[in-house]
Amino acid sequence: MDMDLLASATMEVALWESFGGLRTANATGLLAAVIAIWIAARFSSVMIDKGANMLGKVLCTTFAVGVFLMGFNVAGLINGTYEGHAAALAALDAANGAIELSQGSQAYIAQTAEGNPLGMAAGWLIFGSGLLIAVLPLWFNPND
């Protein structure tokens, strides 16, 4: 059963509105993860200044690893949002029959199909280096 032009256009716009709203949530989650990296690094710095014992170092390291994992979870959710919207647009395209999606939607589906290796590399660099910045000074003297 083919959709009519108005129903197709309405669904396409609704999908883009949903995507736009979720981008705000994604940005908030990413900002929270970056702030958590800063907090983990700050905790580490305070622990070093105070001469933390083994328990303090373990707790701070555990927190930093949790931040690292949370960051990858947020990055995965953001990537899932992109892939989910591309799949929804592709499903709408299939349901449309003879009615084509907008050029922007078609380009977005094609771009998302190629994956996001740059985004994944950025996630590894940001969260991996944040973990190292927070943990290494606890266990190795930064003055050596």
Protein backbone atom coordinates (compact mmCIF):
# COMPACT_ATOMS: atom_id res chain seq x y z
CA MET A 1 0.00 0.00 0.00
CA ASP A 2 1.55 3.29 -1.12
CA MET A 3 1.40 6.42 0.98
CA ASP A 4 0.02 9.62 -0.44
CA LEU A 5 2.31 12.62 -0.84
CA LEU A 6 0.95 14.55 2.15
CA ALA A 7 1.22 11.58 4.53
CA SER A 8 4.76 10.87 3.33
CA ALA A 9 5.89 14.47 3.74
CA THR A 10 4.26 14.70 7.18
CA MET A 11 6.00 11.53 8.36
CA GLU A 12 9.36 12.68 7.00
CA VAL A 13 9.08 16.05 8.75
CA ALA A 14 8.01 14.31 11.99
CA LEU A 15 11.07 12.06 11.83
CA TRP A 16 13.35 15.06 11.35
CA GLU A 17 11.65 16.90 14.24
CA SER A 18 12.21 13.88 16.48
CA PHE A 19 15.84 13.71 15.36
CA GLY A 20 16.32 17.41 16.11
CA GLY A 21 14.93 17.00 19.62
CA LEU A 22 17.16 14.02 20.29
CA ARG A 23 20.23 15.94 19.14
CA THR A 24 19.69 18.28 22.10
CA ALA A 25 19.56 15.28 24.45
CA ASN A 26 22.66 13.83 22.78
CA ALA A 27 24.56 17.10 23.21
CA THR A 28 23.54 17.26 26.87
CA GLY A 29 24.74 13.69 27.45
CA LEU A 30 28.03 14.38 25.71
CA LEU A 31 28.53 17.55 27.73
CA ALA A 32 27.83 15.62 30.94
CA ALA A 33 30.43 13.02 29.94
CA VAL A 34 33.05 15.70 29.26
CA ILE A 35 32.32 17.35 32.62
CA ALA A 36 32.60 13.92 34.28
CA ILE A 37 36.07 13.52 32.71
CA TRP A 38 37.08 16.86 34.19
CA ILE A 39 35.71 15.83 37.60
CA ALA A 40 37.62 12.52 37.48
CA ALA A 41 40.83 14.35 36.59
CA ARG A 42 40.19 16.89 39.35
CA PHE A 43 39.57 14.13 41.91
CA SER A 44 42.85 12.56 40.85
CA SER A 45 44.69 15.86 41.24
CA VAL A 46 43.25 16.39 44.73
CA MET A 47 44.15 12.82 45.72
CA ILE A 48 47.75 13.39 44.62
CA ASP A 49 47.95 16.71 46.50
CA LYS A 50 46.57 15.10 49.66
CA GLY A 51 48.82 12.04 49.41
CA ALA A 52 45.95 9.58 49.12
CA ASN A 53 46.27 6.07 50.50
CA MET A 54 45.63 2.91 48.49
CA LEU A 55 41.86 2.96 49.12
CA GLY A 56 41.62 6.54 47.85
CA LYS A 57 43.57 5.66 44.72
CA VAL A 58 41.39 2.61 44.06
CA LEU A 59 38.18 4.62 44.55
CA CYS A 60 39.38 7.41 42.27
CA THR A 61 40.49 4.88 39.65
CA THR A 62 37.13 3.11 39.86
CA PHE A 63 35.33 6.42 39.36
CA ALA A 64 37.54 7.26 36.35
CA VAL A 65 36.86 3.85 34.76
CA GLY A 66 33.13 4.42 35.35
CA VAL A 67 33.38 7.79 33.61
CA PHE A 68 35.24 6.14 30.73
CA LEU A 69 32.52 3.49 30.35
CA MET A 70 29.74 6.08 30.69
CA GLY A 71 31.36 8.10 27.91
CA PHE A 72 31.36 5.12 25.58
CA ASN A 73 27.77 4.39 26.50
CA VAL A 74 26.77 7.97 25.62
CA ALA A 75 28.73 7.77 22.36
CA GLY A 76 26.96 4.50 21.53
CA LEU A 77 23.56 6.02 22.27
CA ILE A 78 24.32 8.98 20.03
CA ASN A 79 25.45 6.66 17.23
CA GLY A 80 22.33 4.56 17.77
CA THR A 81 20.18 7.67 17.44
CA TYR A 82 21.74 8.45 14.08
CA GLU A 83 21.42 4.88 12.81
CA GLY A 84 17.86 4.55 14.11
CA HIS A 85 16.70 7.67 12.34
CA ALA A 86 18.37 6.60 9.13
CA ALA A 87 16.61 3.23 9.39
CA ALA A 88 13.27 4.94 10.04
CA LEU A 89 13.76 7.17 7.01
CA ALA A 90 14.74 4.15 4.90
CA ALA A 91 11.60 2.31 6.08
CA LEU A 92 9.51 5.35 5.17
CA ASP A 93 11.16 5.40 1.76
CA ALA A 94 10.22 1.76 1.25
CA ALA A 95 6.64 2.41 2.40
CA ASN A 96 6.33 5.41 0.09
CA GLY A 97 6.31 3.37 -3.08
CA ALA A 98 6.63 5.85 -5.96
CA ILE A 99 7.02 8.92 -3.73
CA GLU A 100 10.67 9.80 -3.13
CA LEU A 101 12.10 11.18 0.10
CA SER A 102 13.74 14.59 0.07
CA GLN A 103 17.32 14.82 -1.15
CA GLY A 104 18.47 15.62 2.39
CA SER A 105 16.90 12.44 3.75
CA GLN A 106 18.37 10.36 0.95
CA ALA A 107 21.83 11.84 1.56
CA TYR A 108 21.49 11.21 5.30
CA ILE A 109 20.56 7.56 4.75
CA ALA A 110 23.56 7.10 2.43
CA GLN A 111 25.96 8.84 4.83
CA THR A 112 24.79 6.83 7.83
CA ALA A 113 25.11 3.57 5.91
CA GLU A 114 28.85 4.26 5.64
CA GLY A 115 29.21 4.27 9.44
CA ASN A 116 30.98 6.83 11.58
CA PRO A 117 34.65 5.84 12.00
CA LEU A 118 35.73 9.44 12.70
CA GLY A 119 33.18 9.76 15.51
CA MET A 120 34.25 6.45 17.03
CA ALA A 121 37.94 7.45 16.83
CA ALA A 122 37.12 10.77 18.50
CA GLY A 123 35.27 8.91 21.27
CA TRP A 124 38.23 6.61 21.88
CA LEU A 125 40.64 9.55 21.95
CA ILE A 126 38.55 11.78 24.22
CA PHE A 127 37.45 9.17 26.72
CA GLY A 128 40.63 7.09 26.56
CA SER A 129 42.89 10.09 27.14
CA GLY A 130 40.53 11.33 29.88
CA LEU A 131 40.88 7.98 31.61
CA LEU A 132 44.67 8.11 31.36
CA ILE A 133 44.80 11.72 32.56
CA ALA A 134 42.74 10.79 35.62
CA VAL A 135 44.40 7.46 36.46
CA LEU A 136 48.07 7.56 35.51
CA PRO A 137 49.10 10.35 37.92
CA LEU A 138 47.58 8.38 40.81
CA TRP A 139 49.77 5.37 40.22
CA PHE A 140 52.88 6.90 38.66
CA ASN A 141 54.70 9.94 39.99
CA PRO A 142 54.04 12.75 37.50
CA ASN A 143 57.39 14.31 38.37
CA ASP A 144 59.39 11.31 37.14
